[in-house]
Amino acid sequence: MSQNVVKGKNELETRQKEAKERQVEYNKLTSQQKIDVLDKRLGKSIGAIKERARLLNKLETPKQVPIIQIETKVEKVKKIKHDKKRKSNETKENTN
């Protein structure tokens, strides 16, 4: 019985090693090549809907996004509060 356990463990390790090797090769492919692999394996636009959508989204987005200063949510809130305070002060000065 213990031989079967050892044999099963060895087979499991072998399958895991092979899976890692396949994943490394798959990761080397471009998004378009991955879509082509899915088409070949499953048929044109059949199955793997979420994976296809993810890959198509990668194809459509530009590879290099220009660096833009993005205001964080905290900065936006501070700016809004500051603007409100300034407007209220201006209206008080105008009424006097």
C-alpha atoms as a PDB file:
ATOM      1  CA  MET A   1       0.000   0.000   0.000  1.00  0.00           C
ATOM      2  CA  SER A   2       2.836   2.425   0.802  1.00  0.00           C
ATOM      3  CA  GLN A   3       4.285   1.844  -2.669  1.00  0.00           C
ATOM      4  CA  ASN A   4       1.065   3.197  -4.196  1.00  0.00           C
ATOM      5  CA  VAL A   5       1.342   6.329  -2.055  1.00  0.00           C
ATOM      6  CA  VAL A   6       4.936   6.892  -3.150  1.00  0.00           C
ATOM      7  CA  LYS A   7       4.019   6.228  -6.769  1.00  0.00           C
ATOM      8  CA  GLY A   8       1.116   8.672  -6.545  1.00  0.00           C
ATOM      9  CA  LYS A   9       3.304  11.326  -4.958  1.00  0.00           C
ATOM     10  CA  ASN A  10       5.937  10.934  -7.679  1.00  0.00           C
ATOM     11  CA  GLU A  11       3.285  11.210 -10.392  1.00  0.00           C
ATOM     12  CA  LEU A  12       1.881  14.310  -8.741  1.00  0.00           C
ATOM     13  CA  GLU A  13       5.306  15.932  -8.595  1.00  0.00           C
ATOM     14  CA  THR A  14       5.907  15.033 -12.245  1.00  0.00           C
ATOM     15  CA  ARG A  15       2.579  16.566 -13.322  1.00  0.00           C
ATOM     16  CA  GLN A  16       3.268  19.707 -11.305  1.00  0.00           C
ATOM     17  CA  LYS A  17       6.706  20.088 -12.873  1.00  0.00           C
ATOM     18  CA  GLU A  18       5.265  19.645 -16.367  1.00  0.00           C
ATOM     19  CA  ALA A  19       2.514  22.166 -15.616  1.00  0.00           C
ATOM     20  CA  LYS A  20       5.076  24.756 -14.502  1.00  0.00           C
ATOM     21  CA  GLU A  21       7.066  24.202 -17.692  1.00  0.00           C
ATOM     22  CA  ARG A  22       3.926  24.646 -19.820  1.00  0.00           C
ATOM     23  CA  GLN A  23       3.048  27.820 -17.916  1.00  0.00           C
ATOM     24  CA  VAL A  24       6.514  29.278 -18.501  1.00  0.00           C
ATOM     25  CA  GLU A  25       6.174  28.642 -22.238  1.00  0.00           C
ATOM     26  CA  TYR A  26       2.627  30.064 -22.287  1.00  0.00           C
ATOM     27  CA  ASN A  27       3.764  33.219 -20.487  1.00  0.00           C
ATOM     28  CA  LYS A  28       6.326  33.860 -23.225  1.00  0.00           C
ATOM     29  CA  LEU A  29       3.540  34.205 -25.819  1.00  0.00           C
ATOM     30  CA  THR A  30       2.045  37.548 -26.795  1.00  0.00           C
ATOM     31  CA  SER A  31      -1.631  38.247 -26.176  1.00  0.00           C
ATOM     32  CA  GLN A  32      -2.459  37.618 -29.846  1.00  0.00           C
ATOM     33  CA  GLN A  33      -0.580  34.328 -29.817  1.00  0.00           C
ATOM     34  CA  LYS A  34      -2.490  33.264 -26.695  1.00  0.00           C
ATOM     35  CA  ILE A  35      -5.784  34.017 -28.454  1.00  0.00           C
ATOM     36  CA  ASP A  36      -4.597  31.975 -31.437  1.00  0.00           C
ATOM     37  CA  VAL A  37      -3.800  29.051 -29.113  1.00  0.00           C
ATOM     38  CA  LEU A  38      -7.311  29.242 -27.638  1.00  0.00           C
ATOM     39  CA  ASP A  39      -8.838  29.357 -31.141  1.00  0.00           C
ATOM     40  CA  LYS A  40      -6.846  26.308 -32.178  1.00  0.00           C
ATOM     41  CA  ARG A  41      -7.683  24.329 -29.030  1.00  0.00           C
ATOM     42  CA  LEU A  42     -11.337  25.291 -28.516  1.00  0.00           C
ATOM     43  CA  GLY A  43     -12.471  26.712 -31.835  1.00  0.00           C
ATOM     44  CA  LYS A  44     -12.775  30.271 -33.125  1.00  0.00           C
ATOM     45  CA  SER A  45     -14.303  32.469 -30.382  1.00  0.00           C
ATOM     46  CA  ILE A  46     -15.633  29.445 -28.489  1.00  0.00           C
ATOM     47  CA  GLY A  47     -15.122  29.079 -24.743  1.00  0.00           C
ATOM     48  CA  ALA A  48     -12.688  30.818 -22.392  1.00  0.00           C
ATOM     49  CA  ILE A  49     -14.775  33.988 -22.567  1.00  0.00           C
ATOM     50  CA  LYS A  50     -13.149  35.750 -19.613  1.00  0.00           C
ATOM     51  CA  GLU A  51      -9.622  34.846 -20.736  1.00  0.00           C
ATOM     52  CA  ARG A  52     -10.344  36.087 -24.263  1.00  0.00           C
ATOM     53  CA  ALA A  53     -11.784  39.338 -22.900  1.00  0.00           C
ATOM     54  CA  ARG A  54      -8.717  39.867 -20.702  1.00  0.00           C
ATOM     55  CA  LEU A  55      -6.364  39.211 -23.628  1.00  0.00           C
ATOM     56  CA  LEU A  56      -8.324  41.458 -26.008  1.00  0.00           C
ATOM     57  CA  ASN A  57      -8.282  44.215 -23.418  1.00  0.00           C
ATOM     58  CA  LYS A  58      -4.490  43.913 -23.233  1.00  0.00           C
ATOM     59  CA  LEU A  59      -4.287  44.197 -27.024  1.00  0.00           C
ATOM     60  CA  GLU A  60      -6.460  47.319 -27.137  1.00  0.00           C
ATOM     61  CA  THR A  61      -4.710  49.241 -24.358  1.00  0.00           C
ATOM     62  CA  PRO A  62      -1.524  51.062 -25.264  1.00  0.00           C
ATOM     63  CA  LYS A  63       1.660  49.480 -24.031  1.00  0.00           C
ATOM     64  CA  GLN A  64       3.216  52.695 -22.746  1.00  0.00           C
ATOM     65  CA  VAL A  65       0.934  54.962 -20.799  1.00  0.00           C
ATOM     66  CA  PRO A  66       2.161  58.515 -20.476  1.00  0.00           C
ATOM     67  CA  ILE A  67       2.984  59.549 -16.955  1.00  0.00           C
ATOM     68  CA  ILE A  68       0.266  61.839 -15.674  1.00  0.00           C
ATOM     69  CA  GLN A  69       0.048  63.326 -12.234  1.00  0.00           C
ATOM     70  CA  ILE A  70      -3.023  61.737 -10.731  1.00  0.00           C
ATOM     71  CA  GLU A  71      -4.658  63.356  -7.779  1.00  0.00           C
ATOM     72  CA  THR A  72      -5.429  60.940  -5.033  1.00  0.00           C
ATOM     73  CA  LYS A  73      -8.864  60.877  -3.504  1.00  0.00           C
ATOM     74  CA  VAL A  74      -7.543  62.618  -0.386  1.00  0.00           C
ATOM     75  CA  GLU A  75      -6.031  65.416  -2.455  1.00  0.00           C
ATOM     76  CA  LYS A  76      -9.319  65.899  -4.308  1.00  0.00           C
ATOM     77  CA  VAL A  77     -11.289  66.100  -1.064  1.00  0.00           C
ATOM     78  CA  LYS A  78      -8.818  68.627   0.376  1.00  0.00           C
ATOM     79  CA  LYS A  79      -9.060  70.717  -2.777  1.00  0.00           C
ATOM     80  CA  ILE A  80     -12.870  70.689  -2.679  1.00  0.00           C
ATOM     81  CA  LYS A  81     -12.916  71.693   1.001  1.00  0.00           C
ATOM     82  CA  HIS A  82     -10.375  74.447   0.325  1.00  0.00           C
ATOM     83  CA  ASP A  83     -12.448  75.791  -2.587  1.00  0.00           C
ATOM     84  CA  LYS A  84     -15.636  75.760  -0.495  1.00  0.00           C
ATOM     85  CA  LYS A  85     -13.885  77.591   2.341  1.00  0.00           C
ATOM     86  CA  ARG A  86     -12.475  80.183  -0.049  1.00  0.00           C
ATOM     87  CA  LYS A  87     -15.886  80.782  -1.630  1.00  0.00           C
ATOM     88  CA  SER A  88     -17.551  81.190   1.756  1.00  0.00           C
ATOM     89  CA  ASN A  89     -14.860  83.688   2.791  1.00  0.00           C
ATOM     90  CA  GLU A  90     -15.325  85.620  -0.466  1.00  0.00           C
ATOM     91  CA  THR A  91     -19.072  85.828   0.022  1.00  0.00           C
ATOM     92  CA  LYS A  92     -18.578  87.078   3.610  1.00  0.00           C
ATOM     93  CA  GLU A  93     -16.215  89.794   2.389  1.00  0.00           C
ATOM     94  CA  ASN A  94     -18.601  90.827  -0.376  1.00  0.00           C
ATOM     95  CA  THR A  95     -21.518  91.161   2.035  1.00  0.00           C
ATOM     96  CA  ASN A  96     -19.515  93.427   4.372  1.00  0.00           C
END
